Amino acid sequence: MGWLEETANVHSARNIFICVSQFNQEAYEFYKTCGYTKVADLDGLIVDEHAEFLLRKRLP
């Protein structure tokens, strides 16, 4: 995650967006500890019965 955020900063990115499956709670909790927040639920994006969570982290 550090490499991704450093690379994004070098290219003047303001945000990083990540999708995580609703059923993948372990990954969702990991991203939250890295400073990502949920900004949207994307119902049925990949699997009809599940949502994907769109997460965002604002960069300094």
PDB file of N, CA and C in Angstrom:
ATOM      1  N   MET A   1       0.826  -1.170   0.000  1.00  0.00           N
ATOM      2  CA  MET A   1       0.000   0.000   0.000  1.00  0.00           C
ATOM      3  C   MET A   1       0.887   1.256   0.000  1.00  0.00           C
ATOM      4  N   GLY A   2       1.981   1.185   0.699  1.00  0.00           N
ATOM      5  CA  GLY A   2       2.881   2.337   0.732  1.00  0.00           C
ATOM      6  C   GLY A   2       3.394   2.706  -0.646  1.00  0.00           C
ATOM      7  N   TRP A   3       3.803   1.702  -1.418  1.00  0.00           N
ATOM      8  CA  TRP A   3       4.308   1.960  -2.769  1.00  0.00           C
ATOM      9  C   TRP A   3       3.221   2.610  -3.620  1.00  0.00           C
ATOM     10  N   LEU A   4       2.006   2.090  -3.541  1.00  0.00           N
ATOM     11  CA  LEU A   4       0.903   2.635  -4.326  1.00  0.00           C
ATOM     12  C   LEU A   4       0.669   4.104  -3.983  1.00  0.00           C
ATOM     13  N   GLU A   5       0.621   4.410  -2.706  1.00  0.00           N
ATOM     14  CA  GLU A   5       0.357   5.778  -2.288  1.00  0.00           C
ATOM     15  C   GLU A   5       1.510   6.723  -2.643  1.00  0.00           C
ATOM     16  N   GLU A   6       2.736   6.265  -2.499  1.00  0.00           N
ATOM     17  CA  GLU A   6       3.887   7.086  -2.880  1.00  0.00           C
ATOM     18  C   GLU A   6       3.889   7.369  -4.380  1.00  0.00           C
ATOM     19  N   THR A   7       3.615   6.343  -5.179  1.00  0.00           N
ATOM     20  CA  THR A   7       3.574   6.507  -6.633  1.00  0.00           C
ATOM     21  C   THR A   7       2.465   7.470  -7.037  1.00  0.00           C
ATOM     22  N   ALA A   8       1.312   7.346  -6.409  1.00  0.00           N
ATOM     23  CA  ALA A   8       0.199   8.250  -6.709  1.00  0.00           C
ATOM     24  C   ALA A   8       0.562   9.684  -6.354  1.00  0.00           C
ATOM     25  N   ASN A   9       1.237   9.883  -5.247  1.00  0.00           N
ATOM     26  CA  ASN A   9       1.655  11.231  -4.845  1.00  0.00           C
ATOM     27  C   ASN A   9       2.631  11.830  -5.847  1.00  0.00           C
ATOM     28  N   VAL A  10       3.554  11.027  -6.353  1.00  0.00           N
ATOM     29  CA  VAL A  10       4.535  11.504  -7.330  1.00  0.00           C
ATOM     30  C   VAL A  10       3.824  12.035  -8.579  1.00  0.00           C
ATOM     31  N   HIS A  11       2.701  11.411  -8.916  1.00  0.00           N
ATOM     32  CA  HIS A  11       1.955  11.808 -10.114  1.00  0.00           C
ATOM     33  C   HIS A  11       0.811  12.772  -9.785  1.00  0.00           C
ATOM     34  N   SER A  12       0.872  13.384  -8.607  1.00  0.00           N
ATOM     35  CA  SER A  12      -0.084  14.413  -8.180  1.00  0.00           C
ATOM     36  C   SER A  12      -1.519  13.920  -8.083  1.00  0.00           C
ATOM     37  N   ALA A  13      -1.706  12.634  -7.788  1.00  0.00           N
ATOM     38  CA  ALA A  13      -3.059  12.121  -7.584  1.00  0.00           C
ATOM     39  C   ALA A  13      -3.621  12.697  -6.293  1.00  0.00           C
ATOM     40  N   ARG A  14      -4.905  12.967  -6.274  1.00  0.00           N
ATOM     41  CA  ARG A  14      -5.563  13.510  -5.083  1.00  0.00           C
ATOM     42  C   ARG A  14      -6.276  12.426  -4.283  1.00  0.00           C
ATOM     43  N   ASN A  15      -6.645  11.334  -4.961  1.00  0.00           N
ATOM     44  CA  ASN A  15      -7.390  10.246  -4.327  1.00  0.00           C
ATOM     45  C   ASN A  15      -6.924   8.912  -4.879  1.00  0.00           C
ATOM     46  N   ILE A  16      -7.105   7.868  -4.068  1.00  0.00           N
ATOM     47  CA  ILE A  16      -6.942   6.494  -4.538  1.00  0.00           C
ATOM     48  C   ILE A  16      -8.274   5.800  -4.287  1.00  0.00           C
ATOM     49  N   PHE A  17      -8.755   5.080  -5.276  1.00  0.00           N
ATOM     50  CA  PHE A  17     -10.004   4.330  -5.157  1.00  0.00           C
ATOM     51  C   PHE A  17      -9.713   2.843  -5.275  1.00  0.00           C
ATOM     52  N   ILE A  18     -10.398   2.056  -4.439  1.00  0.00           N
ATOM     53  CA  ILE A  18     -10.248   0.604  -4.437  1.00  0.00           C
ATOM     54  C   ILE A  18     -11.637   0.001  -4.292  1.00  0.00           C
ATOM     55  N   CYS A  19     -11.895  -1.105  -4.979  1.00  0.00           N
ATOM     56  CA  CYS A  19     -13.124  -1.875  -4.786  1.00  0.00           C
ATOM     57  C   CYS A  19     -12.801  -3.127  -3.996  1.00  0.00           C
ATOM     58  N   VAL A  20     -13.691  -3.460  -3.070  1.00  0.00           N
ATOM     59  CA  VAL A  20     -13.556  -4.693  -2.296  1.00  0.00           C
ATOM     60  C   VAL A  20     -14.939  -5.333  -2.201  1.00  0.00           C
ATOM     61  N   SER A  21     -14.979  -6.639  -2.319  1.00  0.00           N
ATOM     62  CA  SER A  21     -16.249  -7.357  -2.257  1.00  0.00           C
ATOM     63  C   SER A  21     -16.839  -7.304  -0.859  1.00  0.00           C
ATOM     64  N   GLN A  22     -18.132  -7.155  -0.801  1.00  0.00           N
ATOM     65  CA  GLN A  22     -18.864  -7.082   0.456  1.00  0.00           C
ATOM     66  C   GLN A  22     -18.573  -8.292   1.346  1.00  0.00           C
ATOM     67  N   PHE A  23     -18.450  -9.459   0.760  1.00  0.00           N
ATOM     68  CA  PHE A  23     -18.231 -10.679   1.542  1.00  0.00           C
ATOM     69  C   PHE A  23     -16.782 -10.838   2.005  1.00  0.00           C
ATOM     70  N   ASN A  24     -15.885  -9.981   1.555  1.00  0.00           N
ATOM     71  CA  ASN A  24     -14.475 -10.070   1.930  1.00  0.00           C
ATOM     72  C   ASN A  24     -14.198  -9.096   3.083  1.00  0.00           C
ATOM     73  N   GLN A  25     -14.747  -9.410   4.238  1.00  0.00           N
ATOM     74  CA  GLN A  25     -14.651  -8.519   5.392  1.00  0.00           C
ATOM     75  C   GLN A  25     -13.212  -8.325   5.870  1.00  0.00           C
ATOM     76  N   GLU A  26     -12.387  -9.347   5.744  1.00  0.00           N
ATOM     77  CA  GLU A  26     -10.989  -9.227   6.171  1.00  0.00           C
ATOM     78  C   GLU A  26     -10.267  -8.148   5.360  1.00  0.00           C
ATOM     79  N   ALA A  27     -10.463  -8.162   4.050  1.00  0.00           N
ATOM     80  CA  ALA A  27      -9.843  -7.146   3.197  1.00  0.00           C
ATOM     81  C   ALA A  27     -10.427  -5.764   3.494  1.00  0.00           C
ATOM     82  N   TYR A  28     -11.741  -5.706   3.680  1.00  0.00           N
ATOM     83  CA  TYR A  28     -12.394  -4.432   3.982  1.00  0.00           C
ATOM     84  C   TYR A  28     -11.816  -3.824   5.260  1.00  0.00           C
ATOM     85  N   GLU A  29     -11.646  -4.630   6.299  1.00  0.00           N
ATOM     86  CA  GLU A  29     -11.072  -4.139   7.562  1.00  0.00           C
ATOM     87  C   GLU A  29      -9.624  -3.687   7.367  1.00  0.00           C
ATOM     88  N   PHE A  30      -8.864  -4.428   6.559  1.00  0.00           N
ATOM     89  CA  PHE A  30      -7.485  -4.041   6.271  1.00  0.00           C
ATOM     90  C   PHE A  30      -7.430  -2.660   5.627  1.00  0.00           C
ATOM     91  N   TYR A  31      -8.242  -2.441   4.603  1.00  0.00           N
ATOM     92  CA  TYR A  31      -8.239  -1.147   3.924  1.00  0.00           C
ATOM     93  C   TYR A  31      -8.658  -0.020   4.869  1.00  0.00           C
ATOM     94  N   LYS A  32      -9.615  -0.291   5.758  1.00  0.00           N
ATOM     95  CA  LYS A  32     -10.021   0.728   6.727  1.00  0.00           C
ATOM     96  C   LYS A  32      -8.851   1.114   7.632  1.00  0.00           C
ATOM     97  N   THR A  33      -8.044   0.128   8.034  1.00  0.00           N
ATOM     98  CA  THR A  33      -6.893   0.447   8.896  1.00  0.00           C
ATOM     99  C   THR A  33      -5.840   1.245   8.133  1.00  0.00           C
ATOM    100  N   CYS A  34      -5.869   1.165   6.814  1.00  0.00           N
ATOM    101  CA  CYS A  34      -4.927   1.935   5.983  1.00  0.00           C
ATOM    102  C   CYS A  34      -5.456   3.331   5.663  1.00  0.00           C
ATOM    103  N   GLY A  35      -6.642   3.663   6.166  1.00  0.00           N
ATOM    104  CA  GLY A  35      -7.175   5.005   5.982  1.00  0.00           C
ATOM    105  C   GLY A  35      -8.209   5.165   4.883  1.00  0.00           C
ATOM    106  N   TYR A  36      -8.688   4.061   4.322  1.00  0.00           N
ATOM    107  CA  TYR A  36      -9.701   4.118   3.268  1.00  0.00           C
ATOM    108  C   TYR A  36     -11.095   4.162   3.883  1.00  0.00           C
ATOM    109  N   THR A  37     -11.997   4.904   3.258  1.00  0.00           N
ATOM    110  CA  THR A  37     -13.376   4.978   3.719  1.00  0.00           C
ATOM    111  C   THR A  37     -14.310   4.583   2.581  1.00  0.00           C
ATOM    112  N   LYS A  38     -15.442   3.987   2.964  1.00  0.00           N
ATOM    113  CA  LYS A  38     -16.426   3.566   1.958  1.00  0.00           C
ATOM    114  C   LYS A  38     -17.176   4.778   1.448  1.00  0.00           C
ATOM    115  N   VAL A  39     -17.226   4.907   0.105  1.00  0.00           N
ATOM    116  CA  VAL A  39     -17.937   6.032  -0.498  1.00  0.00           C
ATOM    117  C   VAL A  39     -19.149   5.588  -1.305  1.00  0.00           C
ATOM    118  N   ALA A  40     -19.255   4.273  -1.601  1.00  0.00           N
ATOM    119  CA  ALA A  40     -20.407   3.795  -2.366  1.00  0.00           C
ATOM    120  C   ALA A  40     -20.525   2.277  -2.263  1.00  0.00           C
ATOM    121  N   ASP A  41     -21.763   1.805  -2.414  1.00  0.00           N
ATOM    122  CA  ASP A  41     -22.048   0.383  -2.582  1.00  0.00           C
ATOM    123  C   ASP A  41     -22.390   0.170  -4.055  1.00  0.00           C
ATOM    124  N   LEU A  42     -21.722  -0.768  -4.683  1.00  0.00           N
ATOM    125  CA  LEU A  42     -21.954  -1.054  -6.098  1.00  0.00           C
ATOM    126  C   LEU A  42     -22.619  -2.430  -6.184  1.00  0.00           C
ATOM    127  N   ASP A  43     -23.935  -2.434  -6.105  1.00  0.00           N
ATOM    128  CA  ASP A  43     -24.693  -3.682  -6.077  1.00  0.00           C
ATOM    129  C   ASP A  43     -24.555  -4.459  -7.377  1.00  0.00           C
ATOM    130  N   GLY A  44     -24.224  -5.747  -7.244  1.00  0.00           N
ATOM    131  CA  GLY A  44     -24.185  -6.649  -8.391  1.00  0.00           C
ATOM    132  C   GLY A  44     -23.131  -6.329  -9.425  1.00  0.00           C
ATOM    133  N   LEU A  45     -22.107  -5.600  -9.080  1.00  0.00           N
ATOM    134  CA  LEU A  45     -21.086  -5.222 -10.062  1.00  0.00           C
ATOM    135  C   LEU A  45     -20.368  -6.448 -10.631  1.00  0.00           C
ATOM    136  N   ILE A  46     -19.986  -7.372  -9.764  1.00  0.00           N
ATOM    137  CA  ILE A  46     -19.273  -8.575 -10.210  1.00  0.00           C
ATOM    138  C   ILE A  46     -20.131  -9.815 -10.028  1.00  0.00           C
ATOM    139  N   VAL A  47     -20.753  -9.948  -8.855  1.00  0.00           N
ATOM    140  CA  VAL A  47     -21.614 -11.088  -8.544  1.00  0.00           C
ATOM    141  C   VAL A  47     -22.988 -10.532  -8.206  1.00  0.00           C
ATOM    142  N   ASP A  48     -24.023 -11.049  -8.857  1.00  0.00           N
ATOM    143  CA  ASP A  48     -25.367 -10.498  -8.689  1.00  0.00           C
ATOM    144  C   ASP A  48     -25.820 -10.426  -7.235  1.00  0.00           C
ATOM    145  N   GLU A  49     -25.471 -11.407  -6.433  1.00  0.00           N
ATOM    146  CA  GLU A  49     -25.961 -11.484  -5.057  1.00  0.00           C
ATOM    147  C   GLU A  49     -25.165 -10.627  -4.071  1.00  0.00           C
ATOM    148  N   HIS A  50     -24.095 -10.005  -4.514  1.00  0.00           N
ATOM    149  CA  HIS A  50     -23.221  -9.262  -3.606  1.00  0.00           C
ATOM    150  C   HIS A  50     -22.903  -7.873  -4.148  1.00  0.00           C
ATOM    151  N   ALA A  51     -22.576  -7.000  -3.217  1.00  0.00           N
ATOM    152  CA  ALA A  51     -22.152  -5.653  -3.590  1.00  0.00           C
ATOM    153  C   ALA A  51     -20.630  -5.577  -3.535  1.00  0.00           C
ATOM    154  N   GLU A  52     -20.114  -4.620  -4.243  1.00  0.00           N
ATOM    155  CA  GLU A  52     -18.715  -4.230  -4.097  1.00  0.00           C
ATOM    156  C   GLU A  52     -18.737  -2.901  -3.355  1.00  0.00           C
ATOM    157  N   PHE A  53     -17.782  -2.704  -2.469  1.00  0.00           N
ATOM    158  CA  PHE A  53     -17.644  -1.441  -1.786  1.00  0.00           C
ATOM    159  C   PHE A  53     -16.577  -0.634  -2.510  1.00  0.00           C
ATOM    160  N   LEU A  54     -16.914   0.596  -2.855  1.00  0.00           N
ATOM    161  CA  LEU A  54     -15.936   1.511  -3.419  1.00  0.00           C
ATOM    162  C   LEU A  54     -15.341   2.301  -2.266  1.00  0.00           C
ATOM    163  N   LEU A  55     -14.024   2.187  -2.113  1.00  0.00           N
ATOM    164  CA  LEU A  55     -13.323   2.856  -1.028  1.00  0.00           C
ATOM    165  C   LEU A  55     -12.429   3.962  -1.603  1.00  0.00           C
ATOM    166  N   ARG A  56     -12.253   5.007  -0.799  1.00  0.00           N
ATOM    167  CA  ARG A  56     -11.401   6.119  -1.240  1.00  0.00           C
ATOM    168  C   ARG A  56     -10.479   6.536  -0.099  1.00  0.00           C
ATOM    169  N   LYS A  57      -9.279   6.930  -0.492  1.00  0.00           N
ATOM    170  CA  LYS A  57      -8.357   7.558   0.444  1.00  0.00           C
ATOM    171  C   LYS A  57      -7.872   8.843  -0.191  1.00  0.00           C
ATOM    172  N   ARG A  58      -8.050   9.941   0.513  1.00  0.00           N
ATOM    173  CA  ARG A  58      -7.543  11.226   0.043  1.00  0.00           C
ATOM    174  C   ARG A  58      -6.045  11.293   0.350  1.00  0.00           C
ATOM    175  N   LEU A  59      -5.303  11.756  -0.601  1.00  0.00           N
ATOM    176  CA  LEU A  59      -3.864  11.876  -0.420  1.00  0.00           C
ATOM    177  C   LEU A  59      -3.506  13.295  -0.028  1.00  0.00           C
ATOM    178  N   PRO A  60      -2.410  13.458   0.721  1.00  0.00           N
ATOM    179  CA  PRO A  60      -2.017  14.817   1.153  1.00  0.00           C
ATOM    180  C   PRO A  60      -1.549  15.676  -0.017  1.00  0.00           C
TER     181      PRO A  60
END
